[in-house]
Amino acid sequence: MNSSLTIGRIMGIPIKLHLTFLIILAVFLIAFSMNHSEILGFTLGFGALDTDWGTKYAFGATAAIIFFITILIHELAHSYMAIRYGVRIRSITLMIFGGVATMEEIPKKPGQELKMASAGPLSSLAIGLGAYGLMLLLTPIESSSILFEGMLILIGLMAFYNIFLAAFNLLPAFPMDGGRILRSALATRMSHLEATKKAAAVGRFSAIAMGMFAIWQFNIFLIMIAVFIYFAARDEEQATLINDSLEGVNVVSLMSTDVKVVHPDTSVQQLLDLMYYTRHKGFPVVDRGLVGMVTLEDTKRISMEMFRFARVRDVMTSPATTVMPSTAAVDALKLIGDKRVSRLAVVNESGSLVGIITRKDFLRVVDIAAVRKRRANWGAPPGQVPPPPIPPTASF
């Protein structure tokens, strides 16, 4: 089930609404409509307006929608800078924790990441300061109009929450914007991977501190944000470790060349028997050439009534997702993520099957690279690092 709905495109980027966005939109609508508080000269909420609840909810809904539009602008600012540096943006998704711009990669050059990470908070700050200036300009005007009073509160809400959004995002809680700015600063003095590890450690510490404060205040939403930051920092560190381990490695160094295949007319029962005895969960499907890929998950779609009659051709994915031996391992792993598959068929220039590569092959290399790096200096003379590993060769 797809949990996001695409509502349009801006700068060629798909804009999506996650199902959880409806929850947080409703929360903000109710909070803006029913609450009223005064903080630093800002009136936060329409609850004290001398009008009916329908009008208050109309103001609340307008404020909630405009606020999330400003969050979208925040993510578009990130995306614009990323596009300038040649990064492809897969989508921008509005969700319960705000917005997320999904990028194919994060620029490794510290200066580029600094500009990209700063663009979002700067856009929010510009909106907030602009709204604050407008609020100061309109406040001296005397008017008994509920519409004018409501619009003044709305402008103040946008000023307060966008300035708060900019400040909150600048906290060094990786992978928030402040954490990425911290990594870009650290990366000027150490490797990108080491900078990521240190920034992620700061992010996890910040998340724990935030979580403890949230528990003390019994703030459920802040607890959720803290949990999100903690695991996002861990995931970002792991993703960077994977990319670093696979840098300079091609598919030919990871793939298996002893490939077992099945025919489209093979029965699903025979396929499952083959899976059981070989301990493989997927096979290329070949009939005078590669015609598809079939996996254990594919067989689960067959009804009990049709199982005894089903053939591989009825459940296989065709055409198969393929790469070449010369494809960079990092690009192959991205393809696995994009296509949501567990394995790729490896073909040569003529389209003939020459190997297969699975998600486990990537993870195995990452595990070995991580251990090797931790033990890299064992036995090496002072001031000298061991030579790089020799990649395996293959001929076709």
Protein backbone atom coordinates (compact mmCIF):
# COMPACT_ATOMS: atom_id res chain seq x y z
CA MET A 1 0.00 0.00 0.00
CA ASN A 2 1.32 3.43 -1.01
CA SER A 3 1.16 5.71 2.06
CA SER A 4 1.84 8.93 0.11
CA LEU A 5 -0.25 10.85 -2.41
CA THR A 6 1.42 12.91 -5.14
CA ILE A 7 -0.36 16.26 -5.40
CA GLY A 8 1.80 17.96 -8.02
CA ARG A 9 5.30 18.97 -9.12
CA ILE A 10 7.42 22.05 -8.45
CA MET A 11 10.75 22.49 -10.29
CA GLY A 12 10.12 18.98 -11.64
CA ILE A 13 10.07 17.54 -8.09
CA PRO A 14 7.07 15.36 -7.10
CA ILE A 15 5.32 16.86 -4.06
CA LYS A 16 3.73 14.21 -1.85
CA LEU A 17 1.45 14.15 1.18
CA HIS A 18 2.03 11.30 3.62
CA LEU A 19 -0.99 9.89 5.43
CA THR A 20 0.42 11.15 8.73
CA PHE A 21 0.27 14.68 7.32
CA LEU A 22 -3.51 14.59 7.73
CA ILE A 23 -3.04 13.85 11.44
CA ILE A 24 -0.65 16.72 12.11
CA LEU A 25 -2.70 19.08 9.91
CA ALA A 26 -5.77 18.32 12.07
CA VAL A 27 -3.71 18.81 15.26
CA PHE A 28 -2.48 22.23 14.11
CA LEU A 29 -5.96 23.21 12.93
CA ILE A 30 -7.47 22.46 16.34
CA ALA A 31 -4.54 24.01 18.24
CA PHE A 32 -4.65 27.24 16.24
CA SER A 33 -8.46 27.46 16.43
CA MET A 34 -9.05 26.70 20.12
CA ASN A 35 -5.92 27.90 21.92
CA HIS A 36 -4.81 31.38 22.86
CA SER A 37 -1.52 32.44 24.41
CA GLU A 38 0.75 35.47 24.41
CA ILE A 39 4.49 34.83 23.93
CA LEU A 40 7.04 37.63 23.31
CA GLY A 41 4.34 39.87 21.90
CA PHE A 42 2.92 37.21 19.57
CA THR A 43 -0.70 36.08 19.85
CA LEU A 44 -0.64 32.33 19.23
CA GLY A 45 -4.09 31.08 18.36
CA PHE A 46 -7.56 32.38 17.56
CA GLY A 47 -9.27 31.10 20.73
CA ALA A 48 -9.81 34.58 22.20
CA LEU A 49 -11.38 36.09 19.08
CA ASP A 50 -14.83 37.51 19.79
CA THR A 51 -16.54 35.46 17.10
CA ASP A 52 -18.22 32.12 16.47
CA TRP A 53 -16.32 28.81 16.40
CA GLY A 54 -16.90 28.40 12.67
CA THR A 55 -14.90 31.55 11.96
CA LYS A 56 -12.19 30.47 14.42
CA TYR A 57 -11.87 27.11 12.70
CA ALA A 58 -11.71 28.84 9.30
CA PHE A 59 -8.82 30.98 10.55
CA GLY A 60 -7.19 27.91 12.13
CA ALA A 61 -7.44 25.90 8.92
CA THR A 62 -6.00 28.78 6.89
CA ALA A 63 -3.10 29.18 9.32
CA ALA A 64 -2.35 25.43 9.34
CA ILE A 65 -2.32 25.23 5.54
CA ILE A 66 -0.15 28.35 5.13
CA PHE A 67 2.27 27.06 7.77
CA PHE A 68 2.76 23.80 5.90
CA ILE A 69 3.22 25.76 2.67
CA THR A 70 6.11 27.54 4.39
CA ILE A 71 7.53 24.13 5.37
CA LEU A 72 7.31 23.15 1.71
CA ILE A 73 9.22 26.34 0.82
CA HIS A 74 11.85 25.31 3.40
CA GLU A 75 12.33 21.96 1.64
CA LEU A 76 12.28 23.57 -1.81
CA ALA A 77 15.14 25.84 -0.72
CA HIS A 78 17.20 22.75 0.19
CA SER A 79 16.25 21.14 -3.11
CA TYR A 80 17.11 24.18 -5.20
CA MET A 81 20.64 24.29 -3.80
CA ALA A 82 21.02 20.53 -4.22
CA ILE A 83 19.92 20.72 -7.87
CA ARG A 84 22.52 23.44 -8.46
CA TYR A 85 25.18 20.92 -7.41
CA GLY A 86 23.82 18.22 -9.70
CA VAL A 87 21.85 16.21 -7.12
CA ARG A 88 18.57 14.68 -8.28
CA ILE A 89 15.60 15.17 -5.94
CA ARG A 90 13.30 12.16 -5.96
CA SER A 91 10.46 13.83 -4.05
CA ILE A 92 9.43 16.16 -1.26
CA THR A 93 7.04 14.63 1.26
CA LEU A 94 5.01 16.51 3.86
CA MET A 95 4.50 14.30 6.90
CA ILE A 96 3.87 14.33 10.65
CA PHE A 97 7.36 15.66 11.46
CA GLY A 98 7.27 18.39 8.81
CA GLY A 99 8.86 17.91 5.39
CA VAL A 100 11.48 15.63 3.92
CA ALA A 101 13.33 16.15 0.63
CA THR A 102 14.48 12.75 -0.61
CA MET A 103 17.76 13.14 -2.50
CA GLU A 104 19.77 10.58 -4.45
CA GLU A 105 22.87 11.65 -2.55
CA ILE A 106 24.18 14.35 -0.24
CA PRO A 107 27.07 16.46 -1.60
CA LYS A 108 30.33 15.39 0.07
CA LYS A 109 32.11 18.69 -0.43
CA PRO A 110 31.80 20.58 2.88
CA GLY A 111 31.07 23.92 1.20
CA GLN A 112 28.27 22.46 -0.90
CA GLU A 113 26.62 20.66 2.01
CA LEU A 114 26.91 23.82 4.13
CA LYS A 115 25.05 25.91 1.55
CA MET A 116 22.45 23.22 0.94
CA ALA A 117 21.78 22.67 4.66
CA SER A 118 21.66 26.41 5.40
CA ALA A 119 19.19 27.18 2.61
CA GLY A 120 16.18 25.74 4.46
CA PRO A 121 16.60 27.58 7.79
CA LEU A 122 17.49 30.81 5.94
CA SER A 123 14.26 30.60 3.93
CA SER A 124 12.22 30.00 7.11
CA LEU A 125 14.00 32.89 8.84
CA ALA A 126 13.31 35.17 5.87
CA ILE A 127 9.60 34.27 5.94
CA GLY A 128 9.46 34.72 9.71
CA LEU A 129 11.21 38.09 9.72
CA GLY A 130 9.14 39.28 6.77
CA ALA A 131 5.91 38.32 8.55
CA TYR A 132 7.17 39.94 11.76
CA GLY A 133 7.88 43.18 9.92
CA LEU A 134 4.39 43.12 8.40
CA MET A 135 2.89 42.47 11.84
CA LEU A 136 4.71 45.48 13.31
CA LEU A 137 3.51 47.60 10.40
CA LEU A 138 -0.15 46.61 10.82
CA THR A 139 -0.36 46.50 14.65
CA PRO A 140 -0.79 50.29 15.19
CA ILE A 141 -3.82 50.34 12.87
CA GLU A 142 -7.06 50.55 14.85
CA SER A 143 -9.84 48.35 13.54
CA SER A 144 -12.84 46.58 15.03
CA SER A 145 -13.00 44.14 12.14
CA ILE A 146 -12.78 40.48 13.14
CA LEU A 147 -11.26 39.76 9.73
CA PHE A 148 -8.47 42.29 10.31
CA GLU A 149 -7.81 41.02 13.86
CA GLY A 150 -7.75 37.44 12.62
CA MET A 151 -5.37 38.28 9.77
CA LEU A 152 -3.05 40.06 12.23
CA ILE A 153 -2.95 36.97 14.46
CA LEU A 154 -2.34 34.77 11.40
CA ILE A 155 0.62 36.91 10.31
CA GLY A 156 2.01 36.75 13.86
CA LEU A 157 1.64 32.96 13.88
CA MET A 158 3.62 32.68 10.64
CA ALA A 159 6.31 34.97 12.03
CA PHE A 160 6.67 33.12 15.34
CA TYR A 161 6.58 29.57 14.01
CA ASN A 162 8.88 30.18 11.04
CA ILE A 163 11.49 31.84 13.26
CA PHE A 164 11.07 28.93 15.68
CA LEU A 165 11.35 26.45 12.78
CA ALA A 166 14.62 28.04 11.63
CA ALA A 167 16.06 28.01 15.16
CA PHE A 168 14.94 24.43 15.88
CA ASN A 169 16.41 23.15 12.62
CA LEU A 170 19.76 24.72 13.46
CA LEU A 171 20.15 22.52 16.55
CA PRO A 172 23.17 20.20 15.97
CA ALA A 173 20.91 17.14 16.04
CA PHE A 174 22.04 15.25 12.95
CA PRO A 175 20.46 14.65 10.43
CA MET A 176 18.62 17.95 10.97
CA ASP A 177 19.97 21.01 9.18
CA GLY A 178 22.13 22.02 12.13
CA GLY A 179 23.63 18.54 12.23
CA ARG A 180 24.49 18.72 8.54
CA ILE A 181 26.07 22.13 9.05
CA LEU A 182 28.09 20.59 11.89
CA ARG A 183 29.19 17.72 9.64
CA SER A 184 30.24 20.11 6.88
CA ALA A 185 32.38 22.02 9.41
CA LEU A 186 33.95 18.82 10.77
CA ALA A 187 34.58 17.52 7.23
CA THR A 188 37.03 20.36 6.62
CA ARG A 189 39.34 18.75 9.20
CA MET A 190 38.65 15.01 8.79
CA SER A 191 37.18 12.48 6.39
CA HIS A 192 33.51 12.64 5.43
CA LEU A 193 32.85 9.32 7.20
CA GLU A 194 34.54 10.40 10.45
CA ALA A 195 32.68 13.72 10.32
CA THR A 196 29.41 11.82 9.87
CA LYS A 197 30.15 9.56 12.84
CA LYS A 198 30.87 12.52 15.13
CA ALA A 199 27.83 14.49 13.92
CA ALA A 200 25.63 11.40 14.31
CA ALA A 201 26.94 10.90 17.88
CA VAL A 202 26.02 14.52 18.70
CA GLY A 203 22.62 13.93 17.09
CA ARG A 204 21.94 10.83 19.20
CA PHE A 205 23.03 12.64 22.38
CA SER A 206 20.76 15.58 21.48
CA ALA A 207 17.87 13.18 20.83
CA ILE A 208 18.37 11.50 24.22
CA ALA A 209 18.48 14.88 25.98
CA MET A 210 15.39 16.01 24.09
CA GLY A 211 13.61 12.77 24.96
CA MET A 212 14.40 13.13 28.68
CA PHE A 213 13.11 16.71 28.65
CA ALA A 214 9.99 15.61 26.76
CA ILE A 215 9.30 12.84 29.28
CA TRP A 216 9.71 15.33 32.14
CA GLN A 217 7.24 17.66 30.40
CA PHE A 218 5.09 14.71 29.29
CA ASN A 219 5.14 16.06 25.73
CA ILE A 220 4.21 13.13 23.47
CA PHE A 221 4.95 14.97 20.22
CA LEU A 222 8.44 16.00 21.40
CA ILE A 223 9.10 12.39 22.46
CA MET A 224 8.20 11.26 18.93
CA ILE A 225 10.55 13.85 17.44
CA ALA A 226 13.38 12.70 19.74
CA VAL A 227 12.88 9.07 18.72
CA PHE A 228 12.79 10.09 15.05
CA ILE A 229 16.05 12.07 15.36
CA TYR A 230 17.80 9.24 17.23
CA PHE A 231 17.06 6.60 14.61
CA ALA A 232 17.51 9.01 11.69
CA ALA A 233 21.03 9.82 12.97
CA ARG A 234 21.82 6.12 13.19
CA ASP A 235 20.45 5.43 9.70
CA GLU A 236 22.39 8.35 8.20
CA GLU A 237 25.61 7.04 9.74
CA GLN A 238 24.96 3.55 8.37
CA ALA A 239 24.14 4.91 4.90
CA THR A 240 27.36 6.92 4.85
CA LEU A 241 29.34 3.85 5.97
CA ILE A 242 27.81 1.82 3.13
CA ASN A 243 28.59 4.45 0.50
CA ASP A 244 32.12 4.89 1.84
CA SER A 245 32.74 1.11 1.82
CA LEU A 246 31.48 0.76 -1.75
CA GLU A 247 33.32 3.77 -3.17
CA GLY A 248 35.44 2.73 -6.16
CA VAL A 249 33.94 -0.79 -6.21
CA ASN A 250 32.15 -2.15 -9.31
CA VAL A 251 29.48 -4.83 -9.57
CA VAL A 252 32.03 -7.27 -11.05
CA SER A 253 33.78 -7.37 -7.66
CA LEU A 254 30.62 -8.37 -5.78
CA MET A 255 28.49 -10.48 -8.10
CA SER A 256 28.14 -14.27 -8.15
CA THR A 257 28.89 -15.88 -11.50
CA ASP A 258 27.62 -19.37 -10.61
CA VAL A 259 24.02 -18.50 -11.39
CA LYS A 260 21.16 -20.97 -11.20
CA VAL A 261 18.25 -20.14 -13.47
CA VAL A 262 14.70 -21.37 -14.06
CA HIS A 263 12.51 -21.61 -17.16
CA PRO A 264 9.19 -19.75 -17.51
CA ASP A 265 7.37 -23.12 -17.73
CA THR A 266 8.81 -24.38 -14.44
CA SER A 267 5.97 -25.05 -12.00
CA VAL A 268 5.83 -22.93 -8.86
CA GLN A 269 6.04 -26.12 -6.80
CA GLN A 270 9.29 -27.05 -8.54
CA LEU A 271 10.53 -23.50 -7.99
CA LEU A 272 9.85 -23.72 -4.25
CA ASP A 273 11.61 -27.10 -4.09
CA LEU A 274 14.65 -25.53 -5.80
CA MET A 275 14.58 -22.64 -3.33
CA TYR A 276 14.44 -25.09 -0.44
CA TYR A 277 17.43 -27.16 -1.58
CA THR A 278 19.62 -24.26 -2.78
CA ARG A 279 18.66 -21.81 0.00
CA HIS A 280 18.20 -19.11 -2.65
CA LYS A 281 15.09 -16.93 -2.55
CA GLY A 282 15.21 -15.75 -6.16
CA PHE A 283 16.31 -16.82 -9.63
CA PRO A 284 16.71 -15.26 -13.06
CA VAL A 285 14.18 -16.61 -15.55
CA VAL A 286 15.77 -17.62 -18.86
CA ASP A 287 14.22 -18.68 -22.17
CA ARG A 288 16.68 -18.08 -25.01
CA GLY A 289 17.88 -15.13 -22.97
CA LEU A 290 16.95 -13.36 -19.76
CA VAL A 291 13.20 -12.77 -19.60
CA GLY A 292 12.58 -11.95 -15.95
CA MET A 293 13.27 -12.53 -12.25
CA VAL A 294 11.23 -14.59 -9.79
CA THR A 295 11.45 -14.47 -6.00
CA LEU A 296 9.84 -16.14 -3.00
CA GLU A 297 7.70 -13.04 -2.46
CA ASP A 298 6.29 -13.43 -5.97
CA THR A 299 4.97 -16.91 -5.15
CA LYS A 300 2.99 -15.60 -2.17
CA ARG A 301 0.60 -13.81 -4.51
CA ILE A 302 -0.82 -17.08 -5.85
CA SER A 303 -4.18 -18.19 -4.49
CA MET A 304 -4.50 -21.68 -3.03
CA GLU A 305 -6.87 -22.66 -5.85
CA MET A 306 -4.38 -21.74 -8.59
CA PHE A 307 -1.19 -22.92 -6.85
CA ARG A 308 -1.07 -26.41 -8.39
CA PHE A 309 -1.43 -24.96 -11.90
CA ALA A 310 0.81 -21.92 -11.57
CA ARG A 311 4.02 -21.57 -13.57
CA VAL A 312 6.96 -19.24 -13.12
CA ARG A 313 5.78 -17.12 -16.05
CA ASP A 314 2.57 -16.37 -14.07
CA VAL A 315 4.37 -14.77 -11.12
CA MET A 316 7.76 -13.54 -12.37
CA THR A 317 8.72 -9.89 -12.74
CA SER A 318 9.43 -9.06 -16.35
CA PRO A 319 11.63 -7.52 -17.52
CA ALA A 320 14.26 -8.13 -14.85
CA THR A 321 16.12 -5.18 -13.36
CA THR A 322 19.67 -5.39 -14.69
CA VAL A 323 23.11 -3.86 -14.31
CA MET A 324 26.43 -4.40 -16.06
CA PRO A 325 29.68 -5.69 -14.51
CA SER A 326 31.18 -2.20 -14.87
CA THR A 327 28.31 -0.51 -12.99
CA ALA A 328 29.44 1.22 -9.80
CA ALA A 329 28.36 -0.75 -6.73
CA VAL A 330 26.89 2.40 -5.16
CA ASP A 331 24.67 2.93 -8.22
CA ALA A 332 23.58 -0.71 -8.18
CA LEU A 333 22.60 -0.43 -4.51
CA LYS A 334 20.58 2.72 -5.26
CA LEU A 335 18.82 0.82 -8.04
CA ILE A 336 17.86 -1.92 -5.58
CA GLY A 337 16.35 0.74 -3.33
CA ASP A 338 14.57 2.57 -6.16
CA LYS A 339 13.07 -0.59 -7.67
CA ARG A 340 12.42 -2.19 -4.26
CA VAL A 341 13.97 -5.48 -5.32
CA SER A 342 16.33 -7.79 -3.46
CA ARG A 343 18.57 -8.82 -6.37
CA LEU A 344 19.78 -7.64 -9.77
CA ALA A 345 20.67 -9.64 -12.85
CA VAL A 346 24.09 -8.78 -14.27
CA VAL A 347 24.30 -8.73 -18.08
CA ASN A 348 27.08 -7.99 -20.57
CA GLU A 349 27.00 -5.64 -23.57
CA SER A 350 24.99 -8.14 -25.64
CA GLY A 351 22.39 -8.59 -22.89
CA SER A 352 23.52 -12.11 -21.91
CA LEU A 353 23.25 -13.09 -18.26
CA VAL A 354 26.70 -13.28 -16.63
CA GLY A 355 25.94 -13.04 -12.93
CA ILE A 356 23.64 -11.99 -10.11
CA ILE A 357 24.06 -9.60 -7.20
CA THR A 358 21.88 -9.46 -4.09
CA ARG A 359 21.38 -7.07 -1.20
CA LYS A 360 23.33 -9.50 1.00
CA ASP A 361 26.37 -9.17 -1.26
CA PHE A 362 26.50 -5.44 -0.51
CA LEU A 363 26.03 -5.91 3.23
CA ARG A 364 28.77 -8.54 3.33
CA VAL A 365 31.27 -6.16 1.74
CA VAL A 366 30.25 -3.36 4.11
CA ASP A 367 30.73 -5.61 7.17
CA ILE A 368 34.15 -6.74 5.97
CA ALA A 369 35.21 -3.18 5.10
CA ALA A 370 34.14 -1.94 8.55
CA VAL A 371 36.17 -4.64 10.36
CA ARG A 372 39.14 -4.13 8.03
CA LYS A 373 39.14 -0.40 8.68
CA ARG A 374 39.05 -0.90 12.46
CA ARG A 375 42.04 -3.25 12.19
CA ALA A 376 43.76 -1.30 9.39
CA ASN A 377 46.85 -0.31 11.36
CA TRP A 378 47.50 -3.67 12.98
CA GLY A 379 50.97 -4.76 11.95
CA ALA A 380 51.63 -1.68 9.81
CA PRO A 381 54.87 0.25 10.39
CA PRO A 382 54.44 3.64 12.12
CA GLY A 383 53.16 6.29 9.72
CA GLN A 384 52.27 3.70 7.05
CA VAL A 385 48.84 2.32 6.21
CA PRO A 386 48.29 -1.12 4.70
CA PRO A 387 47.70 -1.38 0.95
CA PRO A 388 44.09 -1.42 -0.29
CA PRO A 389 42.41 -4.79 -0.87
CA ILE A 390 42.92 -6.41 -4.28
CA PRO A 391 39.54 -6.75 -6.02
CA PRO A 392 38.73 -10.15 -7.51
CA THR A 393 38.87 -10.49 -11.26
CA ALA A 394 36.42 -12.16 -13.57
CA SER A 395 36.35 -12.87 -17.28
CA PHE A 396 33.40 -13.48 -19.55
